[in-house]
N, C-alpha and C. Protein backbone atom coordinates (compact mmCIF):
# COMPACT_ATOMS: atom_id res chain seq x y z
N MET A 1 3.03 7.44 -10.32
CA MET A 1 1.85 8.23 -10.07
C MET A 1 2.12 9.28 -9.00
N VAL A 2 3.14 9.07 -8.19
CA VAL A 2 3.48 10.05 -7.16
C VAL A 2 3.76 11.41 -7.80
N SER A 3 4.55 11.41 -8.86
CA SER A 3 4.89 12.69 -9.50
C SER A 3 3.67 13.36 -10.10
N VAL A 4 2.74 12.58 -10.63
CA VAL A 4 1.51 13.15 -11.19
C VAL A 4 0.70 13.84 -10.10
N ILE A 5 0.57 13.19 -8.96
CA ILE A 5 -0.17 13.77 -7.85
C ILE A 5 0.51 15.04 -7.36
N LEU A 6 1.82 14.98 -7.15
CA LEU A 6 2.54 16.15 -6.65
C LEU A 6 2.56 17.28 -7.66
N ASP A 7 2.71 16.97 -8.93
CA ASP A 7 2.66 18.02 -9.97
C ASP A 7 1.32 18.72 -9.96
N ASN A 8 0.25 17.97 -9.84
CA ASN A 8 -1.08 18.56 -9.79
C ASN A 8 -1.24 19.44 -8.56
N MET A 9 -0.76 18.97 -7.43
CA MET A 9 -0.86 19.76 -6.20
C MET A 9 -0.02 21.03 -6.31
N ALA A 10 1.15 20.92 -6.91
CA ALA A 10 2.02 22.09 -7.08
C ALA A 10 1.37 23.14 -7.97
N GLU A 11 0.53 22.70 -8.89
CA GLU A 11 -0.19 23.62 -9.76
C GLU A 11 -1.45 24.17 -9.11
N GLY A 12 -1.73 23.74 -7.89
CA GLY A 12 -2.87 24.27 -7.16
C GLY A 12 -4.13 23.43 -7.20
N ALA A 13 -4.04 22.23 -7.76
CA ALA A 13 -5.21 21.36 -7.81
C ALA A 13 -5.57 20.88 -6.40
N THR A 14 -6.84 20.83 -6.14
CA THR A 14 -7.30 20.31 -4.85
C THR A 14 -7.36 18.78 -4.91
N GLU A 15 -7.52 18.17 -3.76
CA GLU A 15 -7.65 16.72 -3.71
C GLU A 15 -8.85 16.26 -4.54
N LEU A 16 -9.95 16.98 -4.42
CA LEU A 16 -11.15 16.63 -5.17
C LEU A 16 -10.92 16.71 -6.67
N GLU A 17 -10.21 17.73 -7.12
CA GLU A 17 -9.92 17.88 -8.55
C GLU A 17 -9.04 16.73 -9.05
N ILE A 18 -8.07 16.35 -8.25
CA ILE A 18 -7.20 15.23 -8.63
C ILE A 18 -8.00 13.94 -8.72
N LEU A 19 -8.85 13.72 -7.74
CA LEU A 19 -9.67 12.50 -7.73
C LEU A 19 -10.62 12.46 -8.92
N LYS A 20 -11.15 13.61 -9.32
CA LYS A 20 -12.03 13.65 -10.50
C LYS A 20 -11.24 13.39 -11.78
N SER A 21 -10.01 13.89 -11.84
CA SER A 21 -9.19 13.70 -13.04
C SER A 21 -8.64 12.29 -13.16
N TYR A 22 -8.44 11.65 -12.02
CA TYR A 22 -7.86 10.29 -11.99
C TYR A 22 -8.76 9.40 -11.14
N PRO A 23 -9.84 8.90 -11.73
CA PRO A 23 -10.82 8.13 -10.96
C PRO A 23 -10.30 6.85 -10.32
N SER A 24 -9.16 6.36 -10.77
CA SER A 24 -8.62 5.15 -10.15
C SER A 24 -7.96 5.44 -8.80
N LEU A 25 -7.74 6.73 -8.48
CA LEU A 25 -7.13 7.11 -7.21
C LEU A 25 -8.19 7.30 -6.13
N ASN A 26 -7.73 7.23 -4.89
CA ASN A 26 -8.60 7.58 -3.76
C ASN A 26 -7.81 8.48 -2.81
N SER A 27 -8.44 8.97 -1.79
CA SER A 27 -7.80 9.90 -0.85
C SER A 27 -6.55 9.31 -0.21
N GLU A 28 -6.60 8.03 0.08
CA GLU A 28 -5.44 7.38 0.69
C GLU A 28 -4.24 7.38 -0.25
N ASP A 29 -4.47 7.26 -1.55
CA ASP A 29 -3.38 7.31 -2.53
C ASP A 29 -2.69 8.67 -2.49
N ILE A 30 -3.46 9.72 -2.38
CA ILE A 30 -2.89 11.07 -2.34
C ILE A 30 -2.08 11.25 -1.06
N LYS A 31 -2.61 10.82 0.06
CA LYS A 31 -1.89 10.91 1.33
C LYS A 31 -0.59 10.10 1.27
N ALA A 32 -0.66 8.93 0.66
CA ALA A 32 0.54 8.08 0.54
C ALA A 32 1.59 8.74 -0.33
N ALA A 33 1.18 9.40 -1.40
CA ALA A 33 2.13 10.09 -2.28
C ALA A 33 2.83 11.22 -1.54
N ILE A 34 2.08 11.97 -0.75
CA ILE A 34 2.66 13.06 0.03
C ILE A 34 3.63 12.51 1.08
N ALA A 35 3.24 11.46 1.75
CA ALA A 35 4.10 10.84 2.76
C ALA A 35 5.38 10.30 2.14
N TYR A 36 5.26 9.70 0.98
CA TYR A 36 6.44 9.16 0.28
C TYR A 36 7.39 10.28 -0.10
N ALA A 37 6.86 11.36 -0.65
CA ALA A 37 7.69 12.49 -1.04
C ALA A 37 8.37 13.11 0.18
N ALA A 38 7.64 13.22 1.28
CA ALA A 38 8.21 13.78 2.50
C ALA A 38 9.36 12.91 3.01
N GLN A 39 9.18 11.61 2.94
CA GLN A 39 10.23 10.70 3.39
C GLN A 39 11.47 10.83 2.51
N LEU A 40 11.29 10.94 1.21
CA LEU A 40 12.44 11.11 0.32
C LEU A 40 13.20 12.38 0.62
N CYS A 41 12.47 13.45 0.87
CA CYS A 41 13.10 14.74 1.15
C CYS A 41 13.84 14.73 2.47
N SER A 42 13.32 14.05 3.45
CA SER A 42 13.94 14.06 4.77
C SER A 42 15.22 13.25 4.82
N GLU A 43 15.43 12.38 3.86
CA GLU A 43 16.61 11.54 3.86
C GLU A 43 17.79 12.18 3.14
N ARG A 44 17.57 13.32 2.53
CA ARG A 44 18.65 13.95 1.77
C ARG A 44 19.12 15.21 2.45
N THR A 45 20.42 15.40 2.41
CA THR A 45 20.98 16.66 2.88
C THR A 45 21.78 17.27 1.75
N VAL A 46 21.75 18.57 1.70
CA VAL A 46 22.48 19.28 0.65
C VAL A 46 23.40 20.30 1.34
N SER A 47 24.66 20.21 1.03
CA SER A 47 25.62 21.16 1.59
C SER A 47 25.70 22.38 0.67
N LEU A 48 25.52 23.54 1.26
CA LEU A 48 25.59 24.77 0.48
C LEU A 48 26.99 25.31 0.51
N VAL A 49 27.44 25.78 -0.62
CA VAL A 49 28.79 26.34 -0.74
C VAL A 49 28.65 27.84 -0.92
N THR A 50 29.33 28.59 -0.09
CA THR A 50 29.32 30.05 -0.20
C THR A 50 30.44 30.47 -1.12
N VAL A 51 30.10 31.31 -2.08
CA VAL A 51 31.12 31.78 -3.04
C VAL A 51 31.51 33.20 -2.71
């Protein structure tokens, strides 16, 4: 469900719109999805190669 929430947000959906589309979710679920995604991103490093 994390990807569904983030995909909706990336498309510009507001929290209220997401909650209306997915009634089983609540505000805390959306916050948790964002926090989870942030944690995943912070644990990865990418080395850039200059050509």
